[in-house]
Amino acid sequence: MGELKEVLGAAKRPGSLSIDGKGAFDRRSRLPDLREDSDKAKIPASVAKEIGRQIAVKALTAAAKKAATKLARGSRAWTKAFTHIAQHFNPSLFGNRVTHGVFVSALRRKDLLEPLIEETLKKGRRQITKAVVHDVAEGRPVVIIEREFEQIIGVTRFRRGEGVVAENCRILRVIVDVTGTPVTAYPVTEFLRLVAP
């Protein structure tokens, strides 16, 4: 949380915007392509208002790389994230939830899942949005990274009418905050729809 405060604090200091507190950049800095047809241009107004458009763009380009570095180092942040990811190993945790993605049994161990997460962080499709994370009811900015695999990686169960339906998943969704701190990862059936700017 301290890193997010640092990022948000930097947004208030003109000329010293920074996603990591190290490499400051300002309006003269070279930014990624922000044309309307660019995925990086699709930053929700609520995110831009909260952390600023430049920081949001920087998060899109840097958060996945930072999360991959933390994964490679076996950081405490990933250990904490795996506590939540492990909830997606157990089909019986579906309970009263509307939907719940569960990994196939061959991926229900940290050492087996890490290569998929690493590949998703390196080659996945990214977008920034707001999500309820760690019980922050109004939501906080996060980067969602998704990658589709050839093999089935999980099953999503969801309620339809009185029954429960299960669909195979080939997409891994990894969620990290704007500083690159991992939040969770789980299998899904379809890509999150890109938001309008």
Protein backbone atom coordinates (compact mmCIF):
# COMPACT_ATOMS: atom_id res chain seq x y z
CA MET A 1 0.00 0.00 0.00
CA GLY A 2 2.96 2.30 0.67
CA GLU A 3 4.02 2.05 -2.97
CA LEU A 4 0.54 3.11 -4.13
CA LYS A 5 0.64 6.13 -1.80
CA GLU A 6 4.04 7.00 -3.25
CA VAL A 7 2.64 6.80 -6.78
CA LEU A 8 -0.43 8.83 -5.89
CA GLY A 9 1.73 11.38 -4.05
CA ALA A 10 4.00 11.69 -7.07
CA ALA A 11 0.97 12.44 -9.22
CA LYS A 12 0.44 15.62 -7.21
CA ARG A 13 4.01 16.89 -7.71
CA PRO A 14 4.30 18.46 -11.16
CA GLY A 15 7.28 17.30 -13.18
CA SER A 16 8.02 14.30 -10.96
CA LEU A 17 5.52 11.65 -11.94
CA SER A 18 6.84 8.18 -11.27
CA ILE A 19 5.49 4.68 -11.16
CA ASP A 20 8.35 3.26 -9.13
CA GLY A 21 9.72 6.23 -7.23
CA LYS A 22 13.04 5.97 -9.08
CA GLY A 23 12.74 7.08 -12.69
CA ALA A 24 10.77 10.31 -12.68
CA PHE A 25 9.30 11.54 -15.92
CA ASP A 26 7.41 14.64 -16.92
CA ARG A 27 5.37 15.95 -19.84
CA ARG A 28 8.49 16.16 -22.00
CA SER A 29 9.24 12.46 -21.48
CA ARG A 30 8.66 10.03 -24.27
CA LEU A 31 5.36 8.22 -23.64
CA PRO A 32 3.92 5.15 -25.37
CA ASP A 33 1.62 5.60 -28.36
CA LEU A 34 -1.71 7.08 -27.18
CA ARG A 35 -3.62 7.12 -30.46
CA GLU A 36 -7.27 6.16 -30.20
CA ASP A 37 -6.64 2.78 -31.88
CA SER A 38 -3.90 1.91 -29.41
CA ASP A 39 -4.73 -0.44 -26.50
CA LYS A 40 -2.79 1.94 -24.27
CA ALA A 41 -5.26 4.71 -25.11
CA LYS A 42 -8.04 2.74 -23.42
CA ILE A 43 -7.67 4.13 -19.93
CA PRO A 44 -10.92 4.51 -17.99
CA ALA A 45 -11.72 8.04 -16.87
CA SER A 46 -12.02 6.87 -13.24
CA VAL A 47 -8.43 5.56 -13.32
CA ALA A 48 -7.09 8.65 -15.08
CA LYS A 49 -8.83 10.85 -12.52
CA GLU A 50 -7.44 8.91 -9.55
CA ILE A 51 -3.80 8.41 -10.57
CA GLY A 52 -3.38 10.52 -13.71
CA ARG A 53 -3.20 9.45 -17.34
CA GLN A 54 0.61 9.44 -17.49
CA ILE A 55 0.95 7.15 -14.48
CA ALA A 56 -1.77 4.88 -15.89
CA VAL A 57 0.13 4.62 -19.18
CA LYS A 58 3.38 3.94 -17.33
CA ALA A 59 1.61 1.25 -15.26
CA LEU A 60 0.42 -0.45 -18.45
CA THR A 61 3.96 -0.68 -19.74
CA ALA A 62 5.84 -1.41 -16.49
CA ALA A 63 3.56 -3.26 -14.04
CA ALA A 64 3.76 -6.66 -15.76
CA LYS A 65 7.55 -6.49 -15.99
CA LYS A 66 7.83 -5.56 -12.30
CA ALA A 67 5.47 -8.41 -11.33
CA ALA A 68 7.54 -10.87 -13.41
CA THR A 69 10.70 -9.72 -11.62
CA LYS A 70 9.01 -10.21 -8.25
CA LEU A 71 7.86 -13.70 -9.34
CA ALA A 72 11.38 -14.67 -10.44
CA ARG A 73 12.78 -13.53 -7.08
CA GLY A 74 10.12 -15.44 -5.12
CA SER A 75 9.08 -12.25 -3.33
CA ARG A 76 6.78 -12.09 -0.30
CA ALA A 77 4.24 -10.30 -2.51
CA TRP A 78 3.90 -13.42 -4.68
CA THR A 79 3.72 -15.64 -1.58
CA LYS A 80 0.81 -13.51 -0.38
CA ALA A 81 -0.83 -13.58 -3.85
CA PHE A 82 -0.52 -17.37 -3.97
CA THR A 83 -2.64 -17.54 -0.83
CA HIS A 84 -5.53 -16.19 -2.93
CA ILE A 85 -4.54 -18.10 -6.06
CA ALA A 86 -4.73 -21.35 -4.04
CA GLN A 87 -8.46 -20.70 -3.57
CA HIS A 88 -8.70 -21.46 -7.30
CA PHE A 89 -7.28 -24.96 -6.70
CA ASN A 90 -10.34 -26.15 -4.78
CA PRO A 91 -13.62 -26.75 -6.67
CA SER A 92 -15.59 -26.99 -3.41
CA LEU A 93 -14.99 -23.28 -2.69
CA PHE A 94 -17.64 -22.41 -5.31
CA GLY A 95 -20.23 -22.32 -2.51
CA ASN A 96 -22.58 -19.33 -2.84
CA ARG A 97 -20.45 -17.50 -5.41
CA VAL A 98 -21.96 -16.53 -8.72
CA THR A 99 -18.85 -17.72 -10.57
CA HIS A 100 -15.58 -19.42 -9.64
CA GLY A 101 -12.62 -20.45 -11.81
CA VAL A 102 -10.68 -23.55 -10.77
CA PHE A 103 -7.36 -24.72 -12.22
CA VAL A 104 -7.11 -28.24 -13.67
CA SER A 105 -5.55 -30.71 -11.22
CA ALA A 106 -2.26 -30.76 -13.20
CA LEU A 107 -1.74 -27.05 -12.33
CA ARG A 108 -2.79 -27.05 -8.68
CA ARG A 109 0.69 -26.46 -7.31
CA LYS A 110 2.68 -23.25 -7.14
CA ASP A 111 5.69 -24.67 -9.01
CA LEU A 112 3.46 -25.93 -11.86
CA LEU A 113 1.50 -22.70 -12.20
CA GLU A 114 4.42 -20.25 -12.06
CA PRO A 115 5.59 -20.86 -15.68
CA LEU A 116 2.08 -20.05 -16.97
CA ILE A 117 1.94 -16.90 -14.86
CA GLU A 118 5.40 -15.87 -16.06
CA GLU A 119 4.43 -16.37 -19.71
CA THR A 120 1.23 -14.40 -19.18
CA LEU A 121 3.14 -11.51 -17.59
CA LYS A 122 5.63 -11.44 -20.48
CA LYS A 123 3.32 -11.96 -23.46
CA GLY A 124 -0.18 -11.22 -22.21
CA ARG A 125 -2.66 -8.59 -23.28
CA ARG A 126 -2.81 -5.72 -20.77
CA GLN A 127 -5.39 -3.20 -19.71
CA ILE A 128 -5.89 -0.98 -16.72
CA THR A 129 -9.13 -0.67 -14.80
CA LYS A 130 -10.48 -0.35 -11.26
CA ALA A 131 -11.29 -3.42 -9.22
CA VAL A 132 -12.23 -4.25 -5.66
CA VAL A 133 -8.93 -5.44 -4.21
CA HIS A 134 -8.13 -6.20 -0.58
CA ASP A 135 -11.59 -5.01 0.49
CA VAL A 136 -11.23 -1.47 -0.92
CA ALA A 137 -14.94 -1.07 -1.69
CA GLU A 138 -14.62 1.82 -4.16
CA GLY A 139 -12.03 -0.13 -6.10
CA ARG A 140 -8.44 0.70 -6.88
CA PRO A 141 -6.49 0.84 -10.13
CA VAL A 142 -5.12 -2.51 -11.28
CA VAL A 143 -3.51 -3.86 -14.43
CA ILE A 144 -5.15 -6.99 -15.83
CA ILE A 145 -2.90 -9.20 -17.93
CA GLU A 146 -4.45 -12.07 -19.89
CA ARG A 147 -3.07 -14.79 -22.14
CA GLU A 148 -4.80 -17.60 -23.99
CA PHE A 149 -3.19 -21.04 -24.00
CA GLU A 150 -3.76 -23.98 -26.33
CA GLN A 151 -4.43 -26.41 -23.51
CA ILE A 152 -7.30 -26.23 -21.05
CA ILE A 153 -5.98 -24.67 -17.84
CA GLY A 154 -9.14 -24.68 -15.75
CA VAL A 155 -12.90 -24.78 -15.45
CA THR A 156 -15.24 -21.92 -14.57
CA ARG A 157 -18.43 -22.80 -12.76
CA PHE A 158 -21.28 -20.32 -12.76
CA ARG A 159 -24.92 -20.29 -11.81
CA ARG A 160 -27.52 -20.36 -14.54
CA GLY A 161 -31.11 -20.44 -13.33
CA GLU A 162 -31.40 -23.18 -10.71
CA GLY A 163 -28.36 -25.12 -11.89
CA VAL A 164 -24.60 -24.80 -12.14
CA VAL A 165 -22.84 -24.78 -15.51
CA ALA A 166 -19.14 -25.49 -16.07
CA GLU A 167 -17.06 -24.24 -19.01
CA ASN A 168 -13.46 -25.04 -19.88
CA CYS A 169 -10.95 -22.20 -19.57
CA ARG A 170 -7.93 -21.54 -21.76
CA ILE A 171 -7.26 -17.97 -20.59
CA LEU A 172 -5.19 -17.05 -17.56
CA ARG A 173 -6.02 -13.70 -15.95
CA VAL A 174 -3.31 -12.17 -13.75
CA ILE A 175 -4.10 -9.05 -11.73
CA VAL A 176 -1.37 -6.75 -10.42
CA ASP A 177 -1.63 -3.28 -8.92
CA VAL A 178 -0.17 -0.25 -10.69
CA THR A 179 3.16 -0.68 -8.88
CA GLY A 180 3.55 -4.24 -10.15
CA THR A 181 2.59 -5.92 -6.87
CA PRO A 182 0.72 -9.15 -7.65
CA VAL A 183 -2.86 -9.54 -6.46
CA THR A 184 -4.13 -12.83 -7.91
CA ALA A 185 -4.40 -15.11 -10.94
CA TYR A 186 -7.19 -17.43 -12.06
CA PRO A 187 -8.59 -19.17 -15.16
CA VAL A 188 -11.38 -17.52 -17.19
CA THR A 189 -13.42 -18.46 -20.25
CA GLU A 190 -13.09 -15.18 -22.15
CA PHE A 191 -11.00 -12.04 -22.29
CA LEU A 192 -12.11 -9.05 -20.29
CA ARG A 193 -13.66 -6.60 -22.73
CA LEU A 194 -11.44 -3.62 -23.37
CA VAL A 195 -12.83 -0.45 -21.86
CA ALA A 196 -13.63 2.70 -23.79
CA PRO A 197 -11.36 5.68 -23.04
